[in-house]
Amino acid sequence: MTRSTPPSDWIVYVVVLGTVAAMMYGKYLIGKGDEPIEDVIKEDIEKLEHEVEETIHEVENKIK
């Protein structure tokens, strides 16, 4: 069995998607400002925790 080369389309998709992901991440960091990344991540986690808590309360109220 011989190993064939991957299709050229597959390589292009990986490179383009990787580039787009890196650009979006860079824009996200620029948009957040010059804060240390730990603070930015901590703020995002706190926001998500509050949203999850609100969702849990809404579901509990609907069940009752």
N, C-alpha and C. Protein backbone atom coordinates (compact mmCIF):
# COMPACT_ATOMS: atom_id res chain seq x y z
N MET A 1 0.84 -1.17 0.00
CA MET A 1 0.00 0.00 0.00
C MET A 1 0.89 1.24 0.00
N THR A 2 0.63 2.12 -0.88
CA THR A 2 1.39 3.37 -0.91
C THR A 2 0.53 4.50 -0.41
N ARG A 3 1.19 5.43 0.20
CA ARG A 3 0.47 6.57 0.75
C ARG A 3 0.44 7.68 -0.30
N SER A 4 -0.75 8.12 -0.62
CA SER A 4 -0.87 9.17 -1.62
C SER A 4 -0.80 10.53 -0.96
N THR A 5 -0.50 11.52 -1.73
CA THR A 5 -0.44 12.88 -1.19
C THR A 5 -1.86 13.37 -0.93
N PRO A 6 -2.03 14.19 0.09
CA PRO A 6 -3.37 14.70 0.36
C PRO A 6 -3.83 15.61 -0.76
N PRO A 7 -5.12 15.69 -0.95
CA PRO A 7 -5.61 16.59 -1.99
C PRO A 7 -5.23 18.04 -1.68
N SER A 8 -4.93 18.78 -2.70
CA SER A 8 -4.48 20.16 -2.51
C SER A 8 -5.57 21.02 -1.87
N ASP A 9 -6.83 20.71 -2.12
CA ASP A 9 -7.93 21.48 -1.51
C ASP A 9 -7.89 21.37 0.00
N TRP A 10 -7.60 20.19 0.52
CA TRP A 10 -7.56 19.96 1.96
C TRP A 10 -6.51 20.86 2.61
N ILE A 11 -5.35 20.95 2.01
CA ILE A 11 -4.28 21.78 2.55
C ILE A 11 -4.69 23.25 2.55
N VAL A 12 -5.30 23.68 1.49
CA VAL A 12 -5.72 25.08 1.38
C VAL A 12 -6.77 25.39 2.45
N TYR A 13 -7.73 24.50 2.65
CA TYR A 13 -8.76 24.73 3.66
C TYR A 13 -8.14 24.85 5.05
N VAL A 14 -7.19 24.01 5.38
CA VAL A 14 -6.56 24.06 6.70
C VAL A 14 -5.80 25.37 6.87
N VAL A 15 -5.05 25.77 5.88
CA VAL A 15 -4.27 27.00 5.98
C VAL A 15 -5.19 28.22 6.09
N VAL A 16 -6.23 28.27 5.27
CA VAL A 16 -7.14 29.42 5.30
C VAL A 16 -7.89 29.49 6.62
N LEU A 17 -8.41 28.36 7.08
CA LEU A 17 -9.14 28.36 8.36
C LEU A 17 -8.22 28.71 9.52
N GLY A 18 -7.00 28.22 9.51
CA GLY A 18 -6.04 28.58 10.56
C GLY A 18 -5.73 30.06 10.55
N THR A 19 -5.57 30.63 9.38
CA THR A 19 -5.29 32.06 9.26
C THR A 19 -6.47 32.89 9.74
N VAL A 20 -7.67 32.50 9.35
CA VAL A 20 -8.86 33.23 9.77
C VAL A 20 -9.03 33.16 11.28
N ALA A 21 -8.81 31.97 11.86
CA ALA A 21 -8.93 31.82 13.31
C ALA A 21 -7.91 32.70 14.03
N ALA A 22 -6.68 32.73 13.54
CA ALA A 22 -5.65 33.56 14.17
C ALA A 22 -5.99 35.04 14.06
N MET A 23 -6.52 35.46 12.91
CA MET A 23 -6.90 36.87 12.74
C MET A 23 -8.05 37.24 13.66
N MET A 24 -9.05 36.37 13.78
CA MET A 24 -10.19 36.66 14.65
C MET A 24 -9.75 36.73 16.11
N TYR A 25 -8.86 35.84 16.51
CA TYR A 25 -8.35 35.87 17.88
C TYR A 25 -7.58 37.17 18.13
N GLY A 26 -6.78 37.59 17.16
CA GLY A 26 -6.04 38.85 17.29
C GLY A 26 -6.98 40.04 17.40
N LYS A 27 -8.02 40.06 16.58
CA LYS A 27 -9.00 41.16 16.66
C LYS A 27 -9.72 41.15 18.00
N TYR A 28 -10.00 39.96 18.51
CA TYR A 28 -10.64 39.84 19.82
C TYR A 28 -9.75 40.46 20.90
N LEU A 29 -8.47 40.13 20.85
CA LEU A 29 -7.55 40.67 21.85
C LEU A 29 -7.38 42.18 21.70
N ILE A 30 -7.34 42.67 20.47
CA ILE A 30 -7.22 44.11 20.25
C ILE A 30 -8.48 44.81 20.77
N GLY A 31 -9.63 44.21 20.53
CA GLY A 31 -10.89 44.80 20.98
C GLY A 31 -11.00 44.86 22.48
N LYS A 32 -10.39 43.92 23.16
CA LYS A 32 -10.44 43.90 24.62
C LYS A 32 -9.49 44.92 25.23
N GLY A 33 -8.55 45.42 24.46
CA GLY A 33 -7.62 46.43 24.97
C GLY A 33 -6.33 45.81 25.44
N ASP A 34 -5.62 46.58 26.24
CA ASP A 34 -4.29 46.17 26.69
C ASP A 34 -4.31 45.45 28.03
N GLU A 35 -5.44 44.92 28.41
CA GLU A 35 -5.53 44.21 29.67
C GLU A 35 -4.77 42.88 29.57
N PRO A 36 -4.22 42.40 30.67
CA PRO A 36 -3.59 41.08 30.64
C PRO A 36 -4.62 40.00 30.26
N ILE A 37 -4.17 38.99 29.56
CA ILE A 37 -5.08 37.97 29.04
C ILE A 37 -5.79 37.23 30.18
N GLU A 38 -5.14 37.08 31.33
CA GLU A 38 -5.79 36.40 32.46
C GLU A 38 -7.03 37.15 32.92
N ASP A 39 -6.94 38.49 32.94
CA ASP A 39 -8.08 39.30 33.36
C ASP A 39 -9.21 39.21 32.34
N VAL A 40 -8.84 39.22 31.07
CA VAL A 40 -9.86 39.14 30.02
C VAL A 40 -10.59 37.81 30.10
N ILE A 41 -9.84 36.72 30.26
CA ILE A 41 -10.45 35.40 30.35
C ILE A 41 -11.32 35.31 31.60
N LYS A 42 -10.83 35.87 32.72
CA LYS A 42 -11.59 35.83 33.96
C LYS A 42 -12.92 36.56 33.82
N GLU A 43 -12.90 37.71 33.14
CA GLU A 43 -14.14 38.47 32.92
C GLU A 43 -15.12 37.67 32.06
N ASP A 44 -14.60 37.04 31.02
CA ASP A 44 -15.46 36.25 30.14
C ASP A 44 -16.08 35.07 30.89
N ILE A 45 -15.29 34.43 31.74
CA ILE A 45 -15.81 33.30 32.52
C ILE A 45 -16.89 33.76 33.48
N GLU A 46 -16.68 34.91 34.13
CA GLU A 46 -17.69 35.43 35.05
C GLU A 46 -18.99 35.75 34.33
N LYS A 47 -18.90 36.34 33.12
CA LYS A 47 -20.10 36.63 32.34
C LYS A 47 -20.85 35.35 32.01
N LEU A 48 -20.11 34.33 31.58
CA LEU A 48 -20.75 33.06 31.24
C LEU A 48 -21.38 32.40 32.46
N GLU A 49 -20.73 32.50 33.62
CA GLU A 49 -21.29 31.92 34.83
C GLU A 49 -22.63 32.59 35.17
N HIS A 50 -22.70 33.91 35.03
CA HIS A 50 -23.94 34.62 35.32
C HIS A 50 -25.04 34.21 34.34
N GLU A 51 -24.67 34.06 33.07
CA GLU A 51 -25.66 33.65 32.07
C GLU A 51 -26.17 32.24 32.37
N VAL A 52 -25.28 31.36 32.78
CA VAL A 52 -25.69 29.98 33.11
C VAL A 52 -26.62 29.99 34.32
N GLU A 53 -26.29 30.78 35.34
CA GLU A 53 -27.13 30.86 36.52
C GLU A 53 -28.52 31.38 36.17
N GLU A 54 -28.58 32.42 35.31
CA GLU A 54 -29.87 32.96 34.89
C GLU A 54 -30.68 31.91 34.14
N THR A 55 -30.02 31.16 33.28
CA THR A 55 -30.69 30.12 32.51
C THR A 55 -31.23 29.04 33.44
N ILE A 56 -30.45 28.66 34.43
CA ILE A 56 -30.89 27.64 35.40
C ILE A 56 -32.13 28.14 36.14
N HIS A 57 -32.13 29.40 36.57
CA HIS A 57 -33.29 29.95 37.28
C HIS A 57 -34.52 29.99 36.38
N GLU A 58 -34.32 30.35 35.12
CA GLU A 58 -35.45 30.38 34.19
C GLU A 58 -36.04 28.99 34.00
N VAL A 59 -35.18 28.00 33.86
CA VAL A 59 -35.66 26.62 33.68
C VAL A 59 -36.37 26.14 34.93
N GLU A 60 -35.82 26.46 36.10
CA GLU A 60 -36.47 26.06 37.35
C GLU A 60 -37.85 26.70 37.47
N ASN A 61 -37.97 27.95 37.08
CA ASN A 61 -39.26 28.64 37.17
C ASN A 61 -40.25 28.04 36.20
N LYS A 62 -39.82 27.63 35.03
CA LYS A 62 -40.70 27.02 34.06
C LYS A 62 -41.16 25.64 34.51
N ILE A 63 -40.32 24.92 35.23
CA ILE A 63 -40.68 23.59 35.71
C ILE A 63 -41.71 23.69 36.82
N LYS A 64 -41.60 24.70 37.65
CA LYS A 64 -42.54 24.84 38.81
C LYS A 64 -43.90 25.19 38.39
